[in-house]
C-alpha atoms as a PDB file:
ATOM      1  CA  UNK A   1       8.554  17.998 -14.953  1.00  0.00           C
ATOM      2  CA  UNK A   2       5.017  17.531 -13.642  1.00  0.00           C
ATOM      3  CA  UNK A   3       3.536  17.816 -17.143  1.00  0.00           C
ATOM      4  CA  UNK A   4       6.025  15.259 -18.439  1.00  0.00           C
ATOM      5  CA  UNK A   5       5.136  12.850 -15.620  1.00  0.00           C
ATOM      6  CA  UNK A   6       1.402  13.169 -16.261  1.00  0.00           C
ATOM      7  CA  UNK A   7       1.966  12.742 -19.998  1.00  0.00           C
ATOM      8  CA  UNK A   8       3.979   9.571 -19.417  1.00  0.00           C
ATOM      9  CA  UNK A   9       1.270   8.129 -17.187  1.00  0.00           C
ATOM     10  CA  UNK A  10      -1.386   8.868 -19.799  1.00  0.00           C
ATOM     11  CA  UNK A  11       0.778   7.251 -22.445  1.00  0.00           C
ATOM     12  CA  UNK A  12       0.836   4.098 -20.335  1.00  0.00           C
ATOM     13  CA  UNK A  13      -2.954   4.128 -20.117  1.00  0.00           C
ATOM     14  CA  UNK A  14      -3.076   5.318 -16.492  1.00  0.00           C
ATOM     15  CA  UNK A  15      -6.116   7.452 -15.651  1.00  0.00           C
ATOM     16  CA  UNK A  16      -4.899  10.859 -14.459  1.00  0.00           C
ATOM     17  CA  UNK A  17      -8.213  12.637 -13.821  1.00  0.00           C
ATOM     18  CA  UNK A  18      -7.743  12.694 -10.047  1.00  0.00           C
ATOM     19  CA  UNK A  19      -4.163  13.972  -9.927  1.00  0.00           C
ATOM     20  CA  UNK A  20      -4.007  17.105  -7.776  1.00  0.00           C
ATOM     21  CA  UNK A  21      -1.812  19.941  -9.117  1.00  0.00           C
ATOM     22  CA  UNK A  22      -0.466  22.307  -6.463  1.00  0.00           C
ATOM     23  CA  UNK A  23       2.091  25.091  -6.132  1.00  0.00           C
ATOM     24  CA  UNK A  24       2.839  24.204  -2.522  1.00  0.00           C
ATOM     25  CA  UNK A  25       5.917  22.257  -1.536  1.00  0.00           C
ATOM     26  CA  UNK A  26       8.424  20.483  -3.715  1.00  0.00           C
ATOM     27  CA  UNK A  27       9.205  17.105  -5.193  1.00  0.00           C
ATOM     28  CA  UNK A  28      10.162  14.315  -2.850  1.00  0.00           C
ATOM     29  CA  UNK A  29      13.863  13.549  -3.241  1.00  0.00           C
ATOM     30  CA  UNK A  30      15.817  10.311  -3.205  1.00  0.00           C
ATOM     31  CA  UNK A  31      19.320  10.216  -1.756  1.00  0.00           C
ATOM     32  CA  UNK A  32      21.821   7.383  -1.997  1.00  0.00           C
ATOM     33  CA  UNK A  33      23.790   6.967   1.182  1.00  0.00           C
ATOM     34  CA  UNK A  34      26.933   5.062   0.261  1.00  0.00           C
ATOM     35  CA  UNK A  35      27.933   2.224   2.530  1.00  0.00           C
ATOM     36  CA  UNK A  36      31.321   1.608   4.068  1.00  0.00           C
ATOM     37  CA  UNK A  37      32.901  -1.633   5.239  1.00  0.00           C
ATOM     38  CA  UNK A  38      30.123  -3.774   6.769  1.00  0.00           C
ATOM     39  CA  UNK A  39      27.508  -1.013   6.578  1.00  0.00           C
ATOM     40  CA  UNK A  40      25.463  -1.347   3.371  1.00  0.00           C
ATOM     41  CA  UNK A  41      24.316   1.474   1.150  1.00  0.00           C
ATOM     42  CA  UNK A  42      20.761   2.654   1.504  1.00  0.00           C
ATOM     43  CA  UNK A  43      18.293   4.825  -0.371  1.00  0.00           C
ATOM     44  CA  UNK A  44      16.618   7.579   1.667  1.00  0.00           C
ATOM     45  CA  UNK A  45      13.385   9.216   0.495  1.00  0.00           C
ATOM     46  CA  UNK A  46      13.065  12.793   1.764  1.00  0.00           C
ATOM     47  CA  UNK A  47       9.386  13.802   1.928  1.00  0.00           C
ATOM     48  CA  UNK A  48       9.679  16.748   4.334  1.00  0.00           C
ATOM     49  CA  UNK A  49       7.907  19.834   2.985  1.00  0.00           C
ATOM     50  CA  UNK A  50       7.032  17.961  -0.217  1.00  0.00           C
ATOM     51  CA  UNK A  51       3.789  18.569  -2.119  1.00  0.00           C
ATOM     52  CA  UNK A  52       2.542  15.123  -1.112  1.00  0.00           C
ATOM     53  CA  UNK A  53       3.132  15.885   2.539  1.00  0.00           C
ATOM     54  CA  UNK A  54       1.601  19.369   2.427  1.00  0.00           C
ATOM     55  CA  UNK A  55      -1.524  18.667   0.371  1.00  0.00           C
ATOM     56  CA  UNK A  56      -4.579  18.600   2.701  1.00  0.00           C
ATOM     57  CA  UNK A  57      -7.066  15.743   2.603  1.00  0.00           C
ATOM     58  CA  UNK A  58      -9.878  17.972   1.335  1.00  0.00           C
ATOM     59  CA  UNK A  59      -7.884  18.800  -1.814  1.00  0.00           C
ATOM     60  CA  UNK A  60      -8.891  15.432  -3.250  1.00  0.00           C
ATOM     61  CA  UNK A  61     -12.294  14.551  -4.665  1.00  0.00           C
ATOM     62  CA  UNK A  62     -12.638  11.358  -2.652  1.00  0.00           C
ATOM     63  CA  UNK A  63     -16.273  10.846  -3.659  1.00  0.00           C
ATOM     64  CA  UNK A  64     -15.283  10.752  -7.328  1.00  0.00           C
ATOM     65  CA  UNK A  65     -12.290   8.514  -6.646  1.00  0.00           C
ATOM     66  CA  UNK A  66     -14.426   5.974  -4.761  1.00  0.00           C
ATOM     67  CA  UNK A  67     -17.556   6.303  -6.869  1.00  0.00           C
ATOM     68  CA  UNK A  68     -19.289   2.931  -7.013  1.00  0.00           C
ATOM     69  CA  UNK A  69     -17.341   1.493  -4.063  1.00  0.00           C
ATOM     70  CA  UNK A  70     -18.149   1.098  -0.383  1.00  0.00           C
ATOM     71  CA  UNK A  71     -14.747   0.000   0.940  1.00  0.00           C
ATOM     72  CA  UNK A  72     -11.054  -0.037   0.133  1.00  0.00           C
ATOM     73  CA  UNK A  73      -8.222  -2.278   1.329  1.00  0.00           C
ATOM     74  CA  UNK A  74      -4.440  -2.514   1.191  1.00  0.00           C
ATOM     75  CA  UNK A  75      -2.229  -0.162  -0.829  1.00  0.00           C
ATOM     76  CA  UNK A  76      -2.542   2.663  -1.670  1.00  0.00           C
ATOM     77  CA  UNK A  77      -5.491   3.355   0.644  1.00  0.00           C
ATOM     78  CA  UNK A  78      -3.733   2.113   3.780  1.00  0.00           C
ATOM     79  CA  UNK A  79      -1.123   4.871   3.435  1.00  0.00           C
ATOM     80  CA  UNK A  80      -3.909   7.480   3.281  1.00  0.00           C
ATOM     81  CA  UNK A  81      -5.992   6.063   6.125  1.00  0.00           C
ATOM     82  CA  UNK A  82      -5.922   9.297   8.154  1.00  0.00           C
ATOM     83  CA  UNK A  83      -7.154  11.445   5.254  1.00  0.00           C
ATOM     84  CA  UNK A  84      -9.871   8.952   4.373  1.00  0.00           C
ATOM     85  CA  UNK A  85     -10.994   8.608   7.994  1.00  0.00           C
ATOM     86  CA  UNK A  86     -11.201  12.387   8.263  1.00  0.00           C
ATOM     87  CA  UNK A  87     -13.230  12.717   5.063  1.00  0.00           C
ATOM     88  CA  UNK A  88     -15.542   9.795   5.893  1.00  0.00           C
ATOM     89  CA  UNK A  89     -16.153  10.300   9.633  1.00  0.00           C
ATOM     90  CA  UNK A  90     -18.695   7.479   9.855  1.00  0.00           C
ATOM     91  CA  UNK A  91     -16.497   4.913   8.119  1.00  0.00           C
ATOM     92  CA  UNK A  92     -15.181   1.999  10.130  1.00  0.00           C
ATOM     93  CA  UNK A  93     -11.503   1.039  10.034  1.00  0.00           C
ATOM     94  CA  UNK A  94     -10.127  -2.496  10.194  1.00  0.00           C
ATOM     95  CA  UNK A  95      -6.462  -2.785  11.153  1.00  0.00           C
ATOM     96  CA  UNK A  96      -5.092  -6.242  10.434  1.00  0.00           C
ATOM     97  CA  UNK A  97      -2.143  -7.210  12.609  1.00  0.00           C
ATOM     98  CA  UNK A  98       0.254 -10.121  12.850  1.00  0.00           C
ATOM     99  CA  UNK A  99       3.679 -10.963  14.212  1.00  0.00           C
ATOM    100  CA  UNK A 100       6.073  -8.465  12.549  1.00  0.00           C
ATOM    101  CA  UNK A 101       8.843 -11.026  12.092  1.00  0.00           C
ATOM    102  CA  UNK A 102       6.483 -13.451  10.368  1.00  0.00           C
ATOM    103  CA  UNK A 103       5.238 -10.600   8.173  1.00  0.00           C
ATOM    104  CA  UNK A 104       8.817  -9.751   7.179  1.00  0.00           C
ATOM    105  CA  UNK A 105       9.583 -13.358   6.320  1.00  0.00           C
ATOM    106  CA  UNK A 106       6.383 -13.596   4.284  1.00  0.00           C
ATOM    107  CA  UNK A 107       6.899 -10.454   2.198  1.00  0.00           C
ATOM    108  CA  UNK A 108      10.504 -11.342   1.454  1.00  0.00           C
ATOM    109  CA  UNK A 109       9.341 -14.491  -0.303  1.00  0.00           C
ATOM    110  CA  UNK A 110       6.309 -12.889  -1.982  1.00  0.00           C
ATOM    111  CA  UNK A 111       5.693  -9.215  -2.839  1.00  0.00           C
ATOM    112  CA  UNK A 112       9.277  -8.156  -1.981  1.00  0.00           C
ATOM    113  CA  UNK A 113      10.921 -11.162  -3.596  1.00  0.00           C
ATOM    114  CA  UNK A 114      13.993  -9.954  -5.485  1.00  0.00           C
ATOM    115  CA  UNK A 115      12.978 -11.517  -8.799  1.00  0.00           C
ATOM    116  CA  UNK A 116       9.500  -9.969  -8.575  1.00  0.00           C
ATOM    117  CA  UNK A 117      10.877  -6.544  -7.604  1.00  0.00           C
ATOM    118  CA  UNK A 118      13.164  -6.603 -10.649  1.00  0.00           C
ATOM    119  CA  UNK A 119      10.327  -7.764 -12.909  1.00  0.00           C
ATOM    120  CA  UNK A 120       7.814  -5.048 -12.000  1.00  0.00           C
ATOM    121  CA  UNK A 121       9.529  -1.908 -13.392  1.00  0.00           C
ATOM    122  CA  UNK A 122       9.200  -3.298 -16.917  1.00  0.00           C
ATOM    123  CA  UNK A 123       5.414  -3.554 -16.578  1.00  0.00           C
ATOM    124  CA  UNK A 124       2.621  -0.994 -16.276  1.00  0.00           C
ATOM    125  CA  UNK A 125       2.289  -2.032 -12.645  1.00  0.00           C
ATOM    126  CA  UNK A 126       5.786  -0.728 -12.024  1.00  0.00           C
ATOM    127  CA  UNK A 127       4.565   2.872 -11.754  1.00  0.00           C
ATOM    128  CA  UNK A 128       1.951   1.817  -9.187  1.00  0.00           C
ATOM    129  CA  UNK A 129       4.526  -0.137  -7.182  1.00  0.00           C
ATOM    130  CA  UNK A 130       6.910   2.797  -7.223  1.00  0.00           C
ATOM    131  CA  UNK A 131       4.294   5.374  -6.201  1.00  0.00           C
ATOM    132  CA  UNK A 132       2.803   3.324  -3.385  1.00  0.00           C
ATOM    133  CA  UNK A 133       4.619   0.411  -1.765  1.00  0.00           C
ATOM    134  CA  UNK A 134       8.159   1.296  -2.855  1.00  0.00           C
ATOM    135  CA  UNK A 135       7.901   4.920  -1.734  1.00  0.00           C
ATOM    136  CA  UNK A 136       6.165   3.977   1.504  1.00  0.00           C
ATOM    137  CA  UNK A 137       9.088   1.760   2.478  1.00  0.00           C
ATOM    138  CA  UNK A 138      11.643   4.258   1.125  1.00  0.00           C
ATOM    139  CA  UNK A 139      12.833   1.755  -1.459  1.00  0.00           C
ATOM    140  CA  UNK A 140      14.416  -0.365   1.288  1.00  0.00           C
ATOM    141  CA  UNK A 141      12.512  -3.556   0.536  1.00  0.00           C
ATOM    142  CA  UNK A 142      15.107  -5.913   2.044  1.00  0.00           C
ATOM    143  CA  UNK A 143      16.177  -3.857   5.058  1.00  0.00           C
ATOM    144  CA  UNK A 144      14.900  -5.937   7.977  1.00  0.00           C
ATOM    145  CA  UNK A 145      15.091  -3.298  10.696  1.00  0.00           C
ATOM    146  CA  UNK A 146      13.607  -0.558   8.525  1.00  0.00           C
ATOM    147  CA  UNK A 147      10.645  -2.679   7.408  1.00  0.00           C
ATOM    148  CA  UNK A 148       9.887  -3.838  10.941  1.00  0.00           C
ATOM    149  CA  UNK A 149      10.052  -0.216  12.128  1.00  0.00           C
ATOM    150  CA  UNK A 150       7.648   0.920   9.385  1.00  0.00           C
ATOM    151  CA  UNK A 151       5.296  -1.970  10.172  1.00  0.00           C
ATOM    152  CA  UNK A 152       5.172  -1.153  13.884  1.00  0.00           C
ATOM    153  CA  UNK A 153       4.901   2.590  13.212  1.00  0.00           C
ATOM    154  CA  UNK A 154       1.895   2.066  10.951  1.00  0.00           C
ATOM    155  CA  UNK A 155       0.107  -0.019  13.574  1.00  0.00           C
ATOM    156  CA  UNK A 156       0.873   2.605  16.221  1.00  0.00           C
ATOM    157  CA  UNK A 157      -0.273   5.488  13.993  1.00  0.00           C
ATOM    158  CA  UNK A 158      -3.605   3.828  13.244  1.00  0.00           C
ATOM    159  CA  UNK A 159      -4.258   2.998  16.894  1.00  0.00           C
ATOM    160  CA  UNK A 160      -3.506   6.592  17.930  1.00  0.00           C
ATOM    161  CA  UNK A 161      -5.429   8.259  15.095  1.00  0.00           C
ATOM    162  CA  UNK A 162      -8.677   6.293  14.939  1.00  0.00           C
ATOM    163  CA  UNK A 163     -11.246   6.478  17.722  1.00  0.00           C
ATOM    164  CA  UNK A 164     -11.706   3.099  19.475  1.00  0.00           C
ATOM    165  CA  UNK A 165     -15.384   2.832  18.521  1.00  0.00           C
ATOM    166  CA  UNK A 166     -14.435   3.085  14.829  1.00  0.00           C
ATOM    167  CA  UNK A 167     -11.500   0.672  14.952  1.00  0.00           C
ATOM    168  CA  UNK A 168     -11.210  -3.109  14.881  1.00  0.00           C
ATOM    169  CA  UNK A 169      -7.730  -4.499  15.486  1.00  0.00           C
ATOM    170  CA  UNK A 170      -8.090  -7.808  13.692  1.00  0.00           C
ATOM    171  CA  UNK A 171      -6.054 -10.978  13.333  1.00  0.00           C
ATOM    172  CA  UNK A 172      -7.217 -13.163  10.458  1.00  0.00           C
ATOM    173  CA  UNK A 173      -6.817 -16.219  12.701  1.00  0.00           C
ATOM    174  CA  UNK A 174      -9.852 -14.935  14.636  1.00  0.00           C
ATOM    175  CA  UNK A 175     -12.087 -15.703  11.665  1.00  0.00           C
ATOM    176  CA  UNK A 176     -15.446 -14.267  10.689  1.00  0.00           C
ATOM    177  CA  UNK A 177     -17.095 -13.511  14.036  1.00  0.00           C
ATOM    178  CA  UNK A 178     -15.250 -10.380  15.287  1.00  0.00           C
ATOM    179  CA  UNK A 179     -15.074  -8.952  11.772  1.00  0.00           C
ATOM    180  CA  UNK A 180     -18.762  -9.448  11.004  1.00  0.00           C
ATOM    181  CA  UNK A 181     -19.843  -8.245  14.449  1.00  0.00           C
ATOM    182  CA  UNK A 182     -17.833  -5.050  13.959  1.00  0.00           C
ATOM    183  CA  UNK A 183     -19.217  -4.434  10.463  1.00  0.00           C
ATOM    184  CA  UNK A 184     -22.726  -5.400  11.586  1.00  0.00           C
ATOM    185  CA  UNK A 185     -23.230  -7.927   8.798  1.00  0.00           C
ATOM    186  CA  UNK A 186     -24.305 -11.598   8.908  1.00  0.00           C
ATOM    187  CA  UNK A 187     -21.613 -14.203   9.388  1.00  0.00           C
ATOM    188  CA  UNK A 188     -21.146 -16.224   6.152  1.00  0.00           C
ATOM    189  CA  UNK A 189     -21.938 -19.913   6.355  1.00  0.00           C
ATOM    190  CA  UNK A 190     -18.607 -20.828   4.751  1.00  0.00           C
ATOM    191  CA  UNK A 191     -15.073 -21.319   6.018  1.00  0.00           C
ATOM    192  CA  UNK A 192     -12.939 -18.210   6.427  1.00  0.00           C
ATOM    193  CA  UNK A 193     -10.826 -17.851   3.247  1.00  0.00           C
ATOM    194  CA  UNK A 194      -7.062 -18.346   3.141  1.00  0.00           C
ATOM    195  CA  UNK A 195      -6.290 -17.097  -0.368  1.00  0.00           C
ATOM    196  CA  UNK A 196      -3.568 -14.667   0.679  1.00  0.00           C
ATOM    197  CA  UNK A 197      -1.088 -17.072   2.237  1.00  0.00           C
ATOM    198  CA  UNK A 198       2.507 -17.358   1.015  1.00  0.00           C
ATOM    199  CA  UNK A 199       1.938 -20.285  -1.309  1.00  0.00           C
ATOM    200  CA  UNK A 200      -1.090 -18.670  -2.960  1.00  0.00           C
ATOM    201  CA  UNK A 201       0.648 -15.318  -3.492  1.00  0.00           C
ATOM    202  CA  UNK A 202       3.732 -17.021  -4.911  1.00  0.00           C
ATOM    203  CA  UNK A 203       1.472 -18.822  -7.374  1.00  0.00           C
ATOM    204  CA  UNK A 204      -0.171 -15.554  -8.456  1.00  0.00           C
ATOM    205  CA  UNK A 205       3.208 -13.876  -8.900  1.00  0.00           C
ATOM    206  CA  UNK A 206       4.557 -16.779 -10.951  1.00  0.00           C
ATOM    207  CA  UNK A 207       1.464 -16.735 -13.191  1.00  0.00           C
ATOM    208  CA  UNK A 208       1.828 -12.986 -13.762  1.00  0.00           C
ATOM    209  CA  UNK A 209       5.502 -13.310 -14.639  1.00  0.00           C
ATOM    210  CA  UNK A 210       4.901 -16.174 -17.033  1.00  0.00           C
ATOM    211  CA  UNK A 211       1.489 -15.357 -18.513  1.00  0.00           C
ATOM    212  CA  UNK A 212       0.708 -11.726 -17.677  1.00  0.00           C
ATOM    213  CA  UNK A 213      -1.660  -9.860 -15.375  1.00  0.00           C
ATOM    214  CA  UNK A 214      -4.819 -10.817 -17.249  1.00  0.00           C
ATOM    215  CA  UNK A 215      -4.186 -14.530 -16.787  1.00  0.00           C
ATOM    216  CA  UNK A 216      -3.692 -14.161 -13.045  1.00  0.00           C
ATOM    217  CA  UNK A 217      -6.045 -11.351 -12.071  1.00  0.00           C
ATOM    218  CA  UNK A 218      -8.515 -11.013 -14.934  1.00  0.00           C
ATOM    219  CA  UNK A 219      -7.325  -7.611 -16.149  1.00  0.00           C
ATOM    220  CA  UNK A 220      -4.396  -6.175 -18.053  1.00  0.00           C
ATOM    221  CA  UNK A 221      -1.573  -4.393 -16.233  1.00  0.00           C
END
């Protein structure tokens, strides 16, 4: 099965050089829990004792993976923050926070929009979405309580795992000053950008769906 998966990824043009092969653990399993009456069905992703869960951070060649880069943001790195922080002990960590309810409302009309979620599997980006964001949220992209719980759990895990001197808990509304002070870099003489708001992301998604990834992001996907 593993060989078939790697072969499929290569056939789609996905670089597989950094995939770690291990004999430990098992595949993660999906279970469909059927609903009844007012209780909806839900998909549960069982990761306990899986290879992903058992593989230690030092099994990955992080230096090769991040060759040529000095920072990483968002998925998939945010789900591996503990491993990365352990491997790079001098790295600083920025945890962006916001009101969970506003975050839920935002993602439901952008990256978790039903039309977009249905569109992605037919593209090369579908494999990335499945392996990162979809799996992280257990495939329950429209389950309000589950998403809020995962959001709050992530914030709590980062706060508990990262030493205070390495961590900046940051709200984008605070602008450049706390971020630049923490990173020890000059403050730019320009307004703080707002290119990731709902309207902007919806525009990017619409462009991708109508014209492709290259038109929206400058590369094929």
